[in-house]
N, C-alpha and C. Protein backbone atom coordinates (compact mmCIF):
# COMPACT_ATOMS: atom_id res chain seq x y z
N MET A 1 32.43 -0.93 -13.36
CA MET A 1 33.33 -0.67 -12.61
C MET A 1 32.92 -1.37 -11.29
N LEU A 2 31.66 -1.35 -10.83
CA LEU A 2 31.32 -2.21 -9.91
C LEU A 2 30.98 -3.89 -9.87
N ASN A 3 31.28 -4.20 -11.21
CA ASN A 3 31.16 -5.60 -11.70
C ASN A 3 32.56 -5.96 -11.09
N ASN A 4 33.74 -5.96 -10.47
CA ASN A 4 34.96 -6.32 -10.10
C ASN A 4 35.18 -6.00 -8.98
N ILE A 5 34.09 -5.76 -7.84
CA ILE A 5 33.99 -5.96 -6.87
C ILE A 5 34.73 -7.63 -5.71
N GLY A 6 33.30 -8.22 -6.14
CA GLY A 6 33.56 -9.54 -5.34
C GLY A 6 33.58 -9.84 -4.37
N LEU A 7 33.53 -10.83 -3.52
CA LEU A 7 33.56 -11.20 -2.53
C LEU A 7 34.40 -10.26 -1.25
N PRO A 8 35.92 -10.32 -1.50
CA PRO A 8 36.74 -9.78 -0.51
C PRO A 8 36.40 -8.04 -0.42
N GLY A 9 36.25 -7.93 -1.64
CA GLY A 9 36.00 -6.54 -1.60
C GLY A 9 34.50 -5.95 -0.60
N LEU A 10 33.94 -6.95 -0.82
CA LEU A 10 32.28 -6.75 0.21
C LEU A 10 32.50 -6.61 1.53
N LEU A 11 33.10 -7.70 1.97
CA LEU A 11 33.79 -7.87 3.13
C LEU A 11 34.44 -7.06 4.26
N LEU A 12 35.40 -6.37 2.91
CA LEU A 12 36.61 -5.26 3.47
C LEU A 12 34.94 -4.08 3.17
N ILE A 13 34.23 -3.53 2.64
CA ILE A 13 33.36 -2.46 2.79
C ILE A 13 32.60 -2.93 4.46
N ALA A 14 32.40 -4.01 4.49
CA ALA A 14 31.44 -4.39 5.32
C ALA A 14 32.11 -3.87 6.61
N VAL A 15 33.64 -4.36 6.87
CA VAL A 15 34.33 -4.15 8.22
C VAL A 15 34.55 -2.63 8.37
N VAL A 16 34.53 -1.81 7.10
CA VAL A 16 35.08 -0.40 7.42
C VAL A 16 33.99 0.19 7.87
N VAL A 17 32.62 -0.19 7.35
CA VAL A 17 31.31 0.46 7.95
C VAL A 17 31.06 -0.03 9.18
N LEU A 18 31.28 -1.41 10.25
CA LEU A 18 31.48 -1.51 11.44
C LEU A 18 32.29 -0.86 11.85
N VAL A 19 33.71 -0.32 11.87
CA VAL A 19 34.53 0.40 12.09
C VAL A 19 33.74 1.39 12.33
N LEU A 20 33.15 2.31 11.16
CA LEU A 20 32.82 4.03 11.74
C LEU A 20 31.31 3.80 12.25
N PHE A 21 31.07 3.29 12.07
CA PHE A 21 29.85 3.06 12.56
C PHE A 21 29.45 2.57 14.47
N GLY A 22 30.44 1.46 14.20
CA GLY A 22 29.75 0.47 15.35
C GLY A 22 29.09 -0.84 15.10
N ARG A 23 28.99 -1.54 16.16
CA ARG A 23 27.72 -2.30 16.07
C ARG A 23 26.42 -2.07 16.53
N GLY A 24 26.20 -1.05 17.28
CA GLY A 24 24.81 -0.92 18.43
C GLY A 24 24.04 0.05 16.80
N LYS A 25 25.30 1.15 16.09
CA LYS A 25 24.55 2.04 15.49
C LYS A 25 23.93 0.95 14.08
N ILE A 26 24.90 0.29 13.40
CA ILE A 26 24.38 -0.50 12.29
C ILE A 26 23.04 -1.12 12.59
N SER A 27 22.82 -1.95 14.39
CA SER A 27 21.89 -3.16 14.59
C SER A 27 20.47 -2.03 14.39
N SER A 28 20.55 -0.76 15.50
CA SER A 28 19.59 -0.17 15.01
C SER A 28 18.91 0.29 13.75
N LEU A 29 19.94 0.45 13.12
CA LEU A 29 19.19 0.95 11.67
C LEU A 29 19.03 -0.38 10.63
N MET A 30 19.63 -1.39 11.22
CA MET A 30 19.27 -2.35 10.25
C MET A 30 17.46 -2.79 11.23
N GLY A 31 16.92 -2.52 12.14
CA GLY A 31 15.75 -2.54 12.74
C GLY A 31 14.42 -1.86 12.33
N GLU A 32 15.25 -0.53 11.69
CA GLU A 32 14.44 0.78 11.09
C GLU A 32 13.94 0.39 9.86
N VAL A 33 15.28 -0.61 9.30
CA VAL A 33 14.88 -1.26 7.69
C VAL A 33 13.98 -1.77 7.94
N GLY A 34 13.70 -2.57 8.66
CA GLY A 34 12.62 -3.75 8.83
C GLY A 34 11.84 -3.53 8.92
N LYS A 35 11.69 -2.92 9.59
CA LYS A 35 10.44 -2.22 10.13
C LYS A 35 9.62 -1.53 9.00
N GLY A 36 10.43 -0.41 8.22
CA GLY A 36 10.07 -0.06 7.06
C GLY A 36 9.63 -1.13 5.80
N ILE A 37 10.37 -2.00 5.69
CA ILE A 37 9.48 -2.87 4.56
C ILE A 37 8.69 -3.56 4.89
N THR A 38 8.58 -4.09 6.83
CA THR A 38 7.17 -4.69 6.93
C THR A 38 6.24 -3.97 6.03
N SER A 39 5.74 -2.78 7.04
CA SER A 39 5.31 -1.16 6.71
C SER A 39 4.72 -0.76 5.50
N PHE A 40 6.05 -1.29 4.51
CA PHE A 40 5.93 -1.45 3.27
C PHE A 40 4.84 -2.57 2.30
N LYS A 41 5.13 -3.45 3.01
CA LYS A 41 4.58 -4.54 2.69
C LYS A 41 2.94 -5.34 3.09
N LYS A 42 3.11 -4.12 4.37
CA LYS A 42 1.47 -4.04 4.76
C LYS A 42 0.76 -3.37 3.89
N GLY A 43 1.33 -2.15 3.38
CA GLY A 43 0.67 -1.14 2.74
C GLY A 43 0.35 -1.31 1.20
N LEU A 44 0.54 -2.86 0.49
CA LEU A 44 0.82 -3.15 0.04
C LEU A 44 -0.26 -4.39 -0.26
N LYS A 45 -0.28 -4.78 0.87
CA LYS A 45 -1.63 -5.76 1.09
C LYS A 45 -3.03 -5.14 1.71
N ASP A 46 -2.93 -3.76 2.01
CA ASP A 46 -4.00 -3.12 2.19
C ASP A 46 -4.40 -2.96 1.23
N GLY A 47 -3.65 -1.95 0.13
CA GLY A 47 -4.12 -1.02 -1.55
C GLY A 47 -4.73 -2.52 -2.10
N SER A 48 -3.92 -3.62 -2.34
CA SER A 48 -4.50 -4.83 -2.76
C SER A 48 -5.83 -5.05 -2.08
N GLU A 49 -6.17 -5.17 -1.22
CA GLU A 49 -7.76 -5.51 -0.73
C GLU A 49 -8.39 -4.19 -1.09
N GLU A 50 -8.33 -3.47 -0.76
CA GLU A 50 -8.75 -2.13 -1.46
C GLU A 50 -9.60 -2.56 -2.64
N HIS A 51 -8.50 -2.64 -3.60
CA HIS A 51 -8.62 -2.54 -4.96
C HIS A 51 -9.54 -3.52 -5.37
N ASP A 52 -9.10 -5.16 -4.74
CA ASP A 52 -10.32 -5.99 -4.90
C ASP A 52 -11.37 -5.65 -4.49
N ALA A 53 -11.96 -5.18 -2.81
CA ALA A 53 -13.27 -4.68 -3.07
C ALA A 53 -13.31 -4.15 -3.75
N ALA A 54 -12.96 -3.09 -4.52
CA ALA A 54 -13.55 -1.94 -5.35
C ALA A 54 -14.32 -2.37 -6.91
N ALA A 55 -13.55 -3.71 -6.99
CA ALA A 55 -13.72 -4.42 -8.20
C ALA A 55 -14.95 -4.88 -7.73
N GLU A 56 -15.21 -5.92 -6.57
CA GLU A 56 -16.04 -6.81 -6.55
C GLU A 56 -17.20 -5.68 -6.31
N ASP A 57 -17.25 -4.86 -5.86
CA ASP A 57 -18.32 -3.85 -5.92
C ASP A 57 -18.93 -3.46 -7.21
N GLN A 58 -18.08 -3.21 -8.02
CA GLN A 58 -18.72 -2.78 -9.62
C GLN A 58 -19.84 -4.09 -10.63
N VAL A 59 -20.76 -3.41 -10.52
CA VAL A 59 -21.91 -4.03 -11.00
C VAL A 59 -21.16 -4.67 -12.62
N ARG A 60 -21.17 -5.52 -13.41
CA ARG A 60 -20.94 -5.93 -14.64
C ARG A 60 -21.89 -6.90 -15.47
N PRO A 61 -22.89 -6.48 -16.58
CA PRO A 61 -24.02 -6.54 -17.13
C PRO A 61 -23.37 -8.09 -17.66
N LEU A 62 -24.35 -9.16 -17.33
CA LEU A 62 -24.45 -10.31 -18.53
C LEU A 62 -24.28 -10.70 -19.95
N PRO A 63 -23.98 -11.25 -20.34
CA PRO A 63 -23.93 -10.89 -22.07
C PRO A 63 -25.31 -10.87 -22.74
N GLY A 64 -25.87 -9.72 -23.45
CA GLY A 64 -27.21 -9.84 -24.01
C GLY A 64 -27.64 -9.00 -22.91
N GLU A 65 -27.46 -8.34 -21.67
CA GLU A 65 -28.01 -7.73 -20.36
C GLU A 65 -27.85 -5.85 -21.08
N ARG A 66 -28.91 -5.55 -20.70
CA ARG A 66 -27.98 -3.73 -20.71
C ARG A 66 -27.80 -3.41 -19.42
N ALA A 67 -26.70 -2.68 -19.05
CA ALA A 67 -25.72 -2.33 -18.11
C ALA A 67 -26.98 -1.31 -17.33
N ARG A 68 -26.64 -1.76 -16.49
CA ARG A 68 -28.08 -1.05 -15.22
C ARG A 68 -27.49 0.29 -14.63
N ASP A 69 -27.96 0.91 -14.07
CA ASP A 69 -27.75 2.63 -13.70
C ASP A 69 -27.88 2.11 -11.60
N VAL A 70 -26.66 2.25 -11.35
CA VAL A 70 -25.67 1.73 -9.82
C VAL A 70 -25.86 3.00 -9.15
N THR A 71 -26.27 3.73 -9.80
CA THR A 71 -25.97 5.44 -8.74
C THR A 71 -27.01 5.76 -7.49
N PRO A 72 -25.97 5.77 -6.67
CA PRO A 72 -26.79 5.45 -5.40
C PRO A 72 -28.45 6.53 -5.60
N HIS A 73 -29.55 6.42 -5.32
CA HIS A 73 -30.83 7.41 -4.89
C HIS A 73 -30.79 7.72 -4.12
N THR A 74 -30.92 9.11 -4.49
CA THR A 74 -30.51 10.15 -3.62
C THR A 74 -32.68 11.01 -3.83
N THR A 75 -33.19 12.04 -2.85
CA THR A 75 -34.27 12.48 -3.19
C THR A 75 -34.03 13.79 -4.16
N PRO A 76 -34.85 13.59 -5.00
CA PRO A 76 -34.57 15.06 -5.91
C PRO A 76 -34.64 16.46 -4.85
N ALA A 77 -34.16 17.51 -5.42
CA ALA A 77 -34.23 18.91 -4.10
C ALA A 77 -35.49 19.26 -4.55
N SER A 78 -36.29 19.21 -5.41
CA SER A 78 -37.80 19.71 -5.63
C SER A 78 -39.04 18.62 -4.84
N ALA A 79 -38.36 17.20 -4.13
CA ALA A 79 -39.19 16.74 -3.65
C ALA A 79 -39.28 17.25 -2.59
N PRO A 80 -40.91 16.97 -1.81
CA PRO A 80 -40.93 17.78 -0.32
C PRO A 80 -40.64 16.37 0.47
N GLN A 81 -40.08 17.36 1.13
CA GLN A 81 -39.52 16.88 2.44
C GLN A 81 -39.88 16.72 3.67
N SER A 82 -40.21 15.96 4.58
CA SER A 82 -40.93 15.63 5.74
C SER A 82 -40.17 17.15 6.73
N THR A 83 -40.36 17.96 7.61
CA THR A 83 -40.27 18.98 7.87
C THR A 83 -40.90 19.41 9.73
N ASP A 84 -41.40 17.95 10.07
CA ASP A 84 -41.86 17.76 11.34
C ASP A 84 -40.32 17.29 12.36
N ARG A 85 -40.36 18.82 13.09
CA ARG A 85 -39.19 18.69 14.12
C ARG A 85 -39.65 18.98 15.42
N SER A 86 -40.06 17.49 16.02
CA SER A 86 -40.42 17.03 17.44
C SER A 86 -39.41 16.55 17.94
């Protein structure tokens, strides 16, 4: 159905939209669409950077080497802690 629109059909649709909504409304709408696309691209870039940073943080053992424990070292609950409250 939409395969036979062609250039004259698209121009007719564009003219009807322009008449119905006016030039100002369409230009403000296109500005909002542009901001949305920019925001979307920025989000993709930030997500990609976070993914790359997380991948670099992972420690990969060399071939023939045992995997190391990379969990952060914390003091166990049973270990004596300093109670100096100066």
